[in-house]
Amino acid sequence: MEKEVSNKVVVILVVVAVLVSLISTYLVTLYVGKVGTINTVQIQEKNIEKNIITPPQSAGYVGINIIPK
């Protein structure tokens, strides 16, 4: 019984983790799509001019870029 219960708990935790990551990614892409489309392009152009390497923005990760003035 203990192994079956622990397996169910692990499966539930994995499913919850996947759902949370998908939802957060979806919300981030919605937010970035509505608010930051123009800003992202401008920031990328500034970073290219100043030779700053920006990390890729992948699923579940939002890069925080510090831009020196």
C-alpha atoms as a PDB file:
ATOM      1  CA  MET A   1       0.000   0.000   0.000  1.00  0.00           C
ATOM      2  CA  GLU A   2       2.781   2.456   0.853  1.00  0.00           C
ATOM      3  CA  LYS A   3       4.385   2.214  -2.597  1.00  0.00           C
ATOM      4  CA  GLU A   4       1.060   2.724  -4.367  1.00  0.00           C
ATOM      5  CA  VAL A   5       0.238   5.777  -2.242  1.00  0.00           C
ATOM      6  CA  SER A   6       3.688   7.313  -2.729  1.00  0.00           C
ATOM      7  CA  ASN A   7       3.505   6.728  -6.494  1.00  0.00           C
ATOM      8  CA  LYS A   8       0.124   8.472  -6.642  1.00  0.00           C
ATOM      9  CA  VAL A   9       1.508  11.395  -4.640  1.00  0.00           C
ATOM     10  CA  VAL A  10       4.498  11.705  -6.988  1.00  0.00           C
ATOM     11  CA  VAL A  11       2.251  11.616 -10.060  1.00  0.00           C
ATOM     12  CA  ILE A  12      -0.040  14.277  -8.563  1.00  0.00           C
ATOM     13  CA  LEU A  13       2.927  16.498  -7.700  1.00  0.00           C
ATOM     14  CA  VAL A  14       4.361  16.173 -11.219  1.00  0.00           C
ATOM     15  CA  VAL A  15       0.997  17.007 -12.801  1.00  0.00           C
ATOM     16  CA  VAL A  16       0.566  20.040 -10.524  1.00  0.00           C
ATOM     17  CA  ALA A  17       4.106  21.237 -11.287  1.00  0.00           C
ATOM     18  CA  VAL A  18       3.543  20.932 -15.054  1.00  0.00           C
ATOM     19  CA  LEU A  19       0.214  22.753 -14.831  1.00  0.00           C
ATOM     20  CA  VAL A  20       1.703  25.572 -12.758  1.00  0.00           C
ATOM     21  CA  SER A  21       4.613  26.007 -15.165  1.00  0.00           C
ATOM     22  CA  LEU A  22       2.293  26.003 -18.187  1.00  0.00           C
ATOM     23  CA  ILE A  23      -0.083  28.518 -16.598  1.00  0.00           C
ATOM     24  CA  SER A  24       2.752  30.816 -15.513  1.00  0.00           C
ATOM     25  CA  THR A  25       4.312  30.643 -18.986  1.00  0.00           C
ATOM     26  CA  TYR A  26       0.924  31.416 -20.554  1.00  0.00           C
ATOM     27  CA  LEU A  27       0.375  34.395 -18.246  1.00  0.00           C
ATOM     28  CA  VAL A  28       3.903  35.695 -18.875  1.00  0.00           C
ATOM     29  CA  THR A  29       3.483  35.427 -22.633  1.00  0.00           C
ATOM     30  CA  LEU A  30       0.107  37.184 -22.415  1.00  0.00           C
ATOM     31  CA  TYR A  31       1.586  39.968 -20.275  1.00  0.00           C
ATOM     32  CA  VAL A  32       4.678  40.360 -22.445  1.00  0.00           C
ATOM     33  CA  GLY A  33       2.572  40.210 -25.605  1.00  0.00           C
ATOM     34  CA  LYS A  34       0.248  42.990 -24.449  1.00  0.00           C
ATOM     35  CA  VAL A  35       2.644  45.250 -22.582  1.00  0.00           C
ATOM     36  CA  GLY A  36       6.185  44.598 -23.666  1.00  0.00           C
ATOM     37  CA  THR A  37       6.214  44.004 -27.413  1.00  0.00           C
ATOM     38  CA  ILE A  38       7.534  47.429 -28.396  1.00  0.00           C
ATOM     39  CA  ASN A  39       9.603  47.787 -25.221  1.00  0.00           C
ATOM     40  CA  THR A  40      11.297  44.418 -25.789  1.00  0.00           C
ATOM     41  CA  VAL A  41      12.345  45.381 -29.309  1.00  0.00           C
ATOM     42  CA  GLN A  42      13.716  48.719 -28.119  1.00  0.00           C
ATOM     43  CA  ILE A  43      15.576  47.063 -25.217  1.00  0.00           C
ATOM     44  CA  GLN A  44      17.075  44.469 -27.576  1.00  0.00           C
ATOM     45  CA  GLU A  45      18.248  47.198 -29.944  1.00  0.00           C
ATOM     46  CA  LYS A  46      19.863  49.120 -27.069  1.00  0.00           C
ATOM     47  CA  ASN A  47      21.535  45.942 -25.825  1.00  0.00           C
ATOM     48  CA  ILE A  48      22.902  45.185 -29.277  1.00  0.00           C
ATOM     49  CA  GLU A  49      24.330  48.698 -29.467  1.00  0.00           C
ATOM     50  CA  LYS A  50      26.000  48.326 -26.065  1.00  0.00           C
ATOM     51  CA  ASN A  51      27.115  44.722 -26.743  1.00  0.00           C
ATOM     52  CA  ILE A  52      25.130  43.276 -23.841  1.00  0.00           C
ATOM     53  CA  ILE A  53      24.347  39.601 -24.239  1.00  0.00           C
ATOM     54  CA  THR A  54      20.765  38.980 -23.142  1.00  0.00           C
ATOM     55  CA  PRO A  55      19.692  35.519 -21.963  1.00  0.00           C
ATOM     56  CA  PRO A  56      17.018  33.857 -24.093  1.00  0.00           C
ATOM     57  CA  GLN A  57      13.510  34.127 -22.701  1.00  0.00           C
ATOM     58  CA  SER A  58      12.286  30.544 -22.614  1.00  0.00           C
ATOM     59  CA  ALA A  59       9.306  28.804 -21.013  1.00  0.00           C
ATOM     60  CA  GLY A  60       8.986  29.604 -17.341  1.00  0.00           C
ATOM     61  CA  TYR A  61      11.874  32.060 -17.383  1.00  0.00           C
ATOM     62  CA  VAL A  62      11.760  35.807 -17.804  1.00  0.00           C
ATOM     63  CA  GLY A  63      15.145  37.453 -18.279  1.00  0.00           C
ATOM     64  CA  ILE A  64      15.789  40.496 -16.143  1.00  0.00           C
ATOM     65  CA  ASN A  65      18.092  42.843 -18.038  1.00  0.00           C
ATOM     66  CA  ILE A  66      19.923  45.603 -16.217  1.00  0.00           C
ATOM     67  CA  ILE A  67      20.603  48.371 -18.705  1.00  0.00           C
ATOM     68  CA  PRO A  68      23.265  50.922 -17.717  1.00  0.00           C
ATOM     69  CA  LYS A  69      22.339  54.499 -18.537  1.00  0.00           C
END
